[in-house]
Amino acid sequence: MMYNGCLSGERPGKMTVNMRIINHYLMAIALCAGLGLGCKSMGEKKPGENYSLIMLYLEQNNDGTKYSRKMAVYRADPIIFYVHSEPFLSTADLEKATLMEAVGGFALQLQFNRHGTAVLESFTTSNKGKRMAIFCQFTEPRVLAAPMITRRNATGIIRFTPDCSRKEAERILAGLNTAIKEIKGKGK
């Protein structure tokens, strides 16, 4: 039997669908929805609570573009200056961070990995006389120090007196070391 020129013998306008294909689509949708609604991360990570982040910015002139960012260091008597909006080193470049005893107080020491050491050497060689803003995100975002670049640093180690209390420094240090371990774990 033929309906209006349809060779398959089906009536025109009627669509036949294989039920197995529909079942597969429905199963896939249900699986995706179930996984999306049922999963929860193993705890939210916020700087200060679980980890700290550190970024090093290079001083530059305020050129009025989006590449220039205003920073202030020393909360008691702030010094305002401008830096490039993108950091040249970050937590991902750290090997370890330590708290050291210094004359009249304490200091933070940042030791960078091979990549970080090479970048630090390059930036300190070509930018003598500029500041390096050491910005930290822990419970609050803050510039911890802004040492002047006076010579080439090929050691990959920066030691500075931070603009924070010892308790804050210990919290920053614990958070940095947690972040470093997590980054190293993801790299393997």
C-alpha atoms as a PDB file:
ATOM      1  CA  MET A   1       0.000   0.000   0.000  1.00  0.00           C
ATOM      2  CA  MET A   2       1.359   3.412  -0.954  1.00  0.00           C
ATOM      3  CA  TYR A   3       0.306   6.759   0.511  1.00  0.00           C
ATOM      4  CA  ASN A   4       0.694   9.750  -1.802  1.00  0.00           C
ATOM      5  CA  GLY A   5       4.055   8.728  -3.260  1.00  0.00           C
ATOM      6  CA  CYS A   6       5.709   7.658  -0.005  1.00  0.00           C
ATOM      7  CA  LEU A   7       7.819   4.602  -0.860  1.00  0.00           C
ATOM      8  CA  SER A   8       8.223   3.300   2.644  1.00  0.00           C
ATOM      9  CA  GLY A   9       4.566   2.647   2.988  1.00  0.00           C
ATOM     10  CA  GLU A  10       4.230   5.025   5.923  1.00  0.00           C
ATOM     11  CA  ARG A  11       1.685   7.724   6.080  1.00  0.00           C
ATOM     12  CA  PRO A  12       3.168  11.166   5.352  1.00  0.00           C
ATOM     13  CA  GLY A  13       3.453  13.454   8.384  1.00  0.00           C
ATOM     14  CA  LYS A  14       3.790  10.609  10.879  1.00  0.00           C
ATOM     15  CA  MET A  15       7.215  10.267  12.438  1.00  0.00           C
ATOM     16  CA  THR A  16       8.469   6.956  13.718  1.00  0.00           C
ATOM     17  CA  VAL A  17      11.065   6.986  16.499  1.00  0.00           C
ATOM     18  CA  ASN A  18      13.152   4.178  17.846  1.00  0.00           C
ATOM     19  CA  MET A  19      12.378   4.017  21.605  1.00  0.00           C
ATOM     20  CA  ARG A  20      15.885   2.779  22.461  1.00  0.00           C
ATOM     21  CA  ILE A  21      17.394   6.075  21.237  1.00  0.00           C
ATOM     22  CA  ILE A  22      14.995   8.121  23.364  1.00  0.00           C
ATOM     23  CA  ASN A  23      15.785   5.957  26.388  1.00  0.00           C
ATOM     24  CA  HIS A  24      19.514   6.602  25.923  1.00  0.00           C
ATOM     25  CA  TYR A  25      18.966  10.368  25.737  1.00  0.00           C
ATOM     26  CA  LEU A  26      16.754  10.348  28.820  1.00  0.00           C
ATOM     27  CA  MET A  27      19.297   8.248  30.712  1.00  0.00           C
ATOM     28  CA  ALA A  28      22.112  10.646  29.772  1.00  0.00           C
ATOM     29  CA  ILE A  29      20.084  13.687  30.879  1.00  0.00           C
ATOM     30  CA  ALA A  30      19.176  12.039  34.186  1.00  0.00           C
ATOM     31  CA  LEU A  31      22.794  11.032  34.813  1.00  0.00           C
ATOM     32  CA  CYS A  32      24.118  14.535  34.094  1.00  0.00           C
ATOM     33  CA  ALA A  33      21.464  16.140  36.285  1.00  0.00           C
ATOM     34  CA  GLY A  34      22.131  13.684  39.106  1.00  0.00           C
ATOM     35  CA  LEU A  35      25.883  14.240  39.051  1.00  0.00           C
ATOM     36  CA  GLY A  36      25.513  18.002  38.864  1.00  0.00           C
ATOM     37  CA  LEU A  37      23.114  18.207  41.786  1.00  0.00           C
ATOM     38  CA  GLY A  38      24.686  15.545  43.948  1.00  0.00           C
ATOM     39  CA  CYS A  39      28.310  16.710  43.988  1.00  0.00           C
ATOM     40  CA  LYS A  40      29.737  19.190  46.416  1.00  0.00           C
ATOM     41  CA  SER A  41      33.366  20.227  46.702  1.00  0.00           C
ATOM     42  CA  MET A  42      35.406  19.167  49.703  1.00  0.00           C
ATOM     43  CA  GLY A  43      35.167  22.566  51.379  1.00  0.00           C
ATOM     44  CA  GLU A  44      35.382  26.013  49.984  1.00  0.00           C
ATOM     45  CA  LYS A  45      38.846  27.524  49.859  1.00  0.00           C
ATOM     46  CA  LYS A  46      39.125  31.175  50.705  1.00  0.00           C
ATOM     47  CA  PRO A  47      42.384  33.063  51.223  1.00  0.00           C
ATOM     48  CA  GLY A  48      43.072  33.467  54.939  1.00  0.00           C
ATOM     49  CA  GLU A  49      41.029  30.505  56.102  1.00  0.00           C
ATOM     50  CA  ASN A  50      42.850  27.691  54.317  1.00  0.00           C
ATOM     51  CA  TYR A  51      45.585  29.286  52.267  1.00  0.00           C
ATOM     52  CA  SER A  52      47.298  32.532  51.311  1.00  0.00           C
ATOM     53  CA  LEU A  53      48.273  33.892  47.930  1.00  0.00           C
ATOM     54  CA  ILE A  54      51.247  36.080  47.122  1.00  0.00           C
ATOM     55  CA  MET A  55      51.984  38.155  44.022  1.00  0.00           C
ATOM     56  CA  LEU A  56      54.945  40.353  43.115  1.00  0.00           C
ATOM     57  CA  TYR A  57      54.291  43.445  41.013  1.00  0.00           C
ATOM     58  CA  LEU A  58      56.818  45.762  39.357  1.00  0.00           C
ATOM     59  CA  GLU A  59      56.622  49.526  39.831  1.00  0.00           C
ATOM     60  CA  GLN A  60      55.846  51.619  36.762  1.00  0.00           C
ATOM     61  CA  ASN A  61      54.690  55.117  35.859  1.00  0.00           C
ATOM     62  CA  ASN A  62      50.980  55.856  35.941  1.00  0.00           C
ATOM     63  CA  ASP A  63      50.229  55.809  32.239  1.00  0.00           C
ATOM     64  CA  GLY A  64      46.451  56.061  32.681  1.00  0.00           C
ATOM     65  CA  THR A  65      45.791  52.704  31.022  1.00  0.00           C
ATOM     66  CA  LYS A  66      44.349  49.476  32.355  1.00  0.00           C
ATOM     67  CA  TYR A  67      47.923  48.189  32.733  1.00  0.00           C
ATOM     68  CA  SER A  68      48.654  50.571  35.603  1.00  0.00           C
ATOM     69  CA  ARG A  69      47.435  49.862  39.134  1.00  0.00           C
ATOM     70  CA  LYS A  70      47.656  52.015  42.276  1.00  0.00           C
ATOM     71  CA  MET A  71      49.137  50.425  45.416  1.00  0.00           C
ATOM     72  CA  ALA A  72      49.866  51.596  48.941  1.00  0.00           C
ATOM     73  CA  VAL A  73      52.390  50.150  51.358  1.00  0.00           C
ATOM     74  CA  TYR A  74      52.882  50.731  55.117  1.00  0.00           C
ATOM     75  CA  ARG A  75      49.491  51.191  56.730  1.00  0.00           C
ATOM     76  CA  ALA A  76      50.749  53.580  59.428  1.00  0.00           C
ATOM     77  CA  ASP A  77      52.181  56.071  56.917  1.00  0.00           C
ATOM     78  CA  PRO A  78      51.135  54.900  53.417  1.00  0.00           C
ATOM     79  CA  ILE A  79      53.384  55.351  50.410  1.00  0.00           C
ATOM     80  CA  ILE A  80      51.386  55.410  47.173  1.00  0.00           C
ATOM     81  CA  PHE A  81      52.899  54.217  43.892  1.00  0.00           C
ATOM     82  CA  TYR A  82      51.806  52.525  40.667  1.00  0.00           C
ATOM     83  CA  VAL A  83      52.602  49.023  39.469  1.00  0.00           C
ATOM     84  CA  HIS A  84      51.998  46.979  36.337  1.00  0.00           C
ATOM     85  CA  SER A  85      48.552  45.352  36.671  1.00  0.00           C
ATOM     86  CA  GLU A  86      49.893  41.822  36.053  1.00  0.00           C
ATOM     87  CA  PRO A  87      52.202  40.204  38.623  1.00  0.00           C
ATOM     88  CA  PHE A  88      55.550  38.897  37.403  1.00  0.00           C
ATOM     89  CA  LEU A  89      55.732  36.214  40.134  1.00  0.00           C
ATOM     90  CA  SER A  90      53.038  34.443  42.154  1.00  0.00           C
ATOM     91  CA  THR A  91      52.411  31.637  44.643  1.00  0.00           C
ATOM     92  CA  ALA A  92      52.830  29.105  41.813  1.00  0.00           C
ATOM     93  CA  ASP A  93      56.506  30.148  41.558  1.00  0.00           C
ATOM     94  CA  LEU A  94      57.263  29.567  45.273  1.00  0.00           C
ATOM     95  CA  GLU A  95      59.295  26.647  46.562  1.00  0.00           C
ATOM     96  CA  LYS A  96      58.873  27.511  50.260  1.00  0.00           C
ATOM     97  CA  ALA A  97      58.183  30.361  52.662  1.00  0.00           C
ATOM     98  CA  THR A  98      59.716  30.729  56.125  1.00  0.00           C
ATOM     99  CA  LEU A  99      59.567  33.064  59.109  1.00  0.00           C
ATOM    100  CA  MET A 100      63.012  34.239  60.218  1.00  0.00           C
ATOM    101  CA  GLU A 101      64.255  36.097  63.251  1.00  0.00           C
ATOM    102  CA  ALA A 102      65.729  39.483  62.379  1.00  0.00           C
ATOM    103  CA  VAL A 103      67.244  42.360  64.326  1.00  0.00           C
ATOM    104  CA  GLY A 104      64.365  44.038  66.158  1.00  0.00           C
ATOM    105  CA  GLY A 105      61.706  41.558  65.042  1.00  0.00           C
ATOM    106  CA  PHE A 106      61.075  39.058  62.300  1.00  0.00           C
ATOM    107  CA  ALA A 107      61.227  38.726  58.541  1.00  0.00           C
ATOM    108  CA  LEU A 108      59.538  36.621  55.893  1.00  0.00           C
ATOM    109  CA  GLN A 109      61.705  34.726  53.444  1.00  0.00           C
ATOM    110  CA  LEU A 110      60.352  33.593  50.089  1.00  0.00           C
ATOM    111  CA  GLN A 111      62.328  30.992  48.165  1.00  0.00           C
ATOM    112  CA  PHE A 112      61.315  30.573  44.526  1.00  0.00           C
ATOM    113  CA  ASN A 113      61.505  27.485  42.311  1.00  0.00           C
ATOM    114  CA  ARG A 114      63.730  27.320  39.197  1.00  0.00           C
ATOM    115  CA  HIS A 115      61.247  29.206  37.023  1.00  0.00           C
ATOM    116  CA  GLY A 116      60.664  31.832  39.719  1.00  0.00           C
ATOM    117  CA  THR A 117      64.413  32.250  40.266  1.00  0.00           C
ATOM    118  CA  ALA A 118      64.988  32.832  36.546  1.00  0.00           C
ATOM    119  CA  VAL A 119      62.145  35.376  36.336  1.00  0.00           C
ATOM    120  CA  LEU A 120      63.323  37.160  39.502  1.00  0.00           C
ATOM    121  CA  GLU A 121      66.872  37.367  38.144  1.00  0.00           C
ATOM    122  CA  SER A 122      65.628  38.783  34.845  1.00  0.00           C
ATOM    123  CA  PHE A 123      63.366  41.396  36.465  1.00  0.00           C
ATOM    124  CA  THR A 124      65.918  42.501  39.071  1.00  0.00           C
ATOM    125  CA  THR A 125      68.665  42.786  36.446  1.00  0.00           C
ATOM    126  CA  SER A 126      66.666  45.056  34.148  1.00  0.00           C
ATOM    127  CA  ASN A 127      64.712  47.131  36.702  1.00  0.00           C
ATOM    128  CA  LYS A 128      67.225  48.555  39.184  1.00  0.00           C
ATOM    129  CA  GLY A 129      65.857  51.561  41.060  1.00  0.00           C
ATOM    130  CA  LYS A 130      62.222  50.417  40.870  1.00  0.00           C
ATOM    131  CA  ARG A 131      60.107  48.938  43.624  1.00  0.00           C
ATOM    132  CA  MET A 132      58.785  45.436  43.810  1.00  0.00           C
ATOM    133  CA  ALA A 133      55.366  45.331  45.539  1.00  0.00           C
ATOM    134  CA  ILE A 134      54.894  42.112  47.520  1.00  0.00           C
ATOM    135  CA  PHE A 135      51.118  41.735  47.652  1.00  0.00           C
ATOM    136  CA  CYS A 136      49.444  39.095  49.816  1.00  0.00           C
ATOM    137  CA  GLN A 137      45.851  37.890  49.912  1.00  0.00           C
ATOM    138  CA  PHE A 138      45.034  36.249  53.233  1.00  0.00           C
ATOM    139  CA  THR A 139      42.174  37.479  55.431  1.00  0.00           C
ATOM    140  CA  GLU A 140      42.564  40.860  53.776  1.00  0.00           C
ATOM    141  CA  PRO A 141      44.433  41.947  50.655  1.00  0.00           C
ATOM    142  CA  ARG A 142      47.534  43.949  51.542  1.00  0.00           C
ATOM    143  CA  VAL A 143      50.924  45.018  50.242  1.00  0.00           C
ATOM    144  CA  LEU A 144      53.305  43.509  52.790  1.00  0.00           C
ATOM    145  CA  ALA A 145      56.414  45.305  51.542  1.00  0.00           C
ATOM    146  CA  ALA A 146      57.795  47.238  48.596  1.00  0.00           C
ATOM    147  CA  PRO A 147      61.573  46.803  48.588  1.00  0.00           C
ATOM    148  CA  MET A 148      63.656  48.811  46.140  1.00  0.00           C
ATOM    149  CA  ILE A 149      65.523  46.745  43.558  1.00  0.00           C
ATOM    150  CA  THR A 150      69.170  47.670  44.079  1.00  0.00           C
ATOM    151  CA  ARG A 151      70.973  44.733  42.454  1.00  0.00           C
ATOM    152  CA  ARG A 152      70.511  41.546  40.494  1.00  0.00           C
ATOM    153  CA  ASN A 153      69.026  38.672  42.525  1.00  0.00           C
ATOM    154  CA  ALA A 154      70.195  35.316  41.156  1.00  0.00           C
ATOM    155  CA  THR A 155      69.559  33.341  44.375  1.00  0.00           C
ATOM    156  CA  GLY A 156      65.770  33.151  44.070  1.00  0.00           C
ATOM    157  CA  ILE A 157      65.399  34.236  47.697  1.00  0.00           C
ATOM    158  CA  ILE A 158      63.713  37.418  48.935  1.00  0.00           C
ATOM    159  CA  ARG A 159      63.850  38.329  52.630  1.00  0.00           C
ATOM    160  CA  PHE A 160      61.808  41.297  53.870  1.00  0.00           C
ATOM    161  CA  THR A 161      60.177  42.765  56.974  1.00  0.00           C
ATOM    162  CA  PRO A 162      56.420  42.603  56.347  1.00  0.00           C
ATOM    163  CA  ASP A 163      53.852  45.237  57.301  1.00  0.00           C
ATOM    164  CA  CYS A 164      51.980  42.849  59.625  1.00  0.00           C
ATOM    165  CA  SER A 165      52.043  41.437  63.135  1.00  0.00           C
ATOM    166  CA  ARG A 166      53.862  38.214  63.978  1.00  0.00           C
ATOM    167  CA  LYS A 167      50.513  36.432  64.366  1.00  0.00           C
ATOM    168  CA  GLU A 168      49.446  37.592  60.893  1.00  0.00           C
ATOM    169  CA  ALA A 169      52.841  36.551  59.498  1.00  0.00           C
ATOM    170  CA  GLU A 170      52.433  33.055  60.967  1.00  0.00           C
ATOM    171  CA  ARG A 171      48.939  32.800  59.430  1.00  0.00           C
ATOM    172  CA  ILE A 172      50.255  34.014  56.050  1.00  0.00           C
ATOM    173  CA  LEU A 173      53.120  31.518  56.246  1.00  0.00           C
ATOM    174  CA  ALA A 174      50.860  28.573  57.092  1.00  0.00           C
ATOM    175  CA  GLY A 175      48.520  29.545  54.244  1.00  0.00           C
ATOM    176  CA  LEU A 176      51.370  29.935  51.750  1.00  0.00           C
ATOM    177  CA  ASN A 177      52.854  26.564  52.621  1.00  0.00           C
ATOM    178  CA  THR A 178      49.401  24.938  52.262  1.00  0.00           C
ATOM    179  CA  ALA A 179      49.001  26.555  48.833  1.00  0.00           C
ATOM    180  CA  ILE A 180      52.525  25.487  47.791  1.00  0.00           C
ATOM    181  CA  LYS A 181      51.802  21.846  48.762  1.00  0.00           C
ATOM    182  CA  GLU A 182      48.522  21.908  46.845  1.00  0.00           C
ATOM    183  CA  ILE A 183      50.168  23.399  43.738  1.00  0.00           C
ATOM    184  CA  LYS A 184      53.004  20.847  43.867  1.00  0.00           C
ATOM    185  CA  GLY A 185      50.449  18.051  44.264  1.00  0.00           C
ATOM    186  CA  LYS A 186      48.595  19.146  41.134  1.00  0.00           C
ATOM    187  CA  GLY A 187      51.832  19.346  39.159  1.00  0.00           C
ATOM    188  CA  LYS A 188      52.593  15.639  39.567  1.00  0.00           C
END
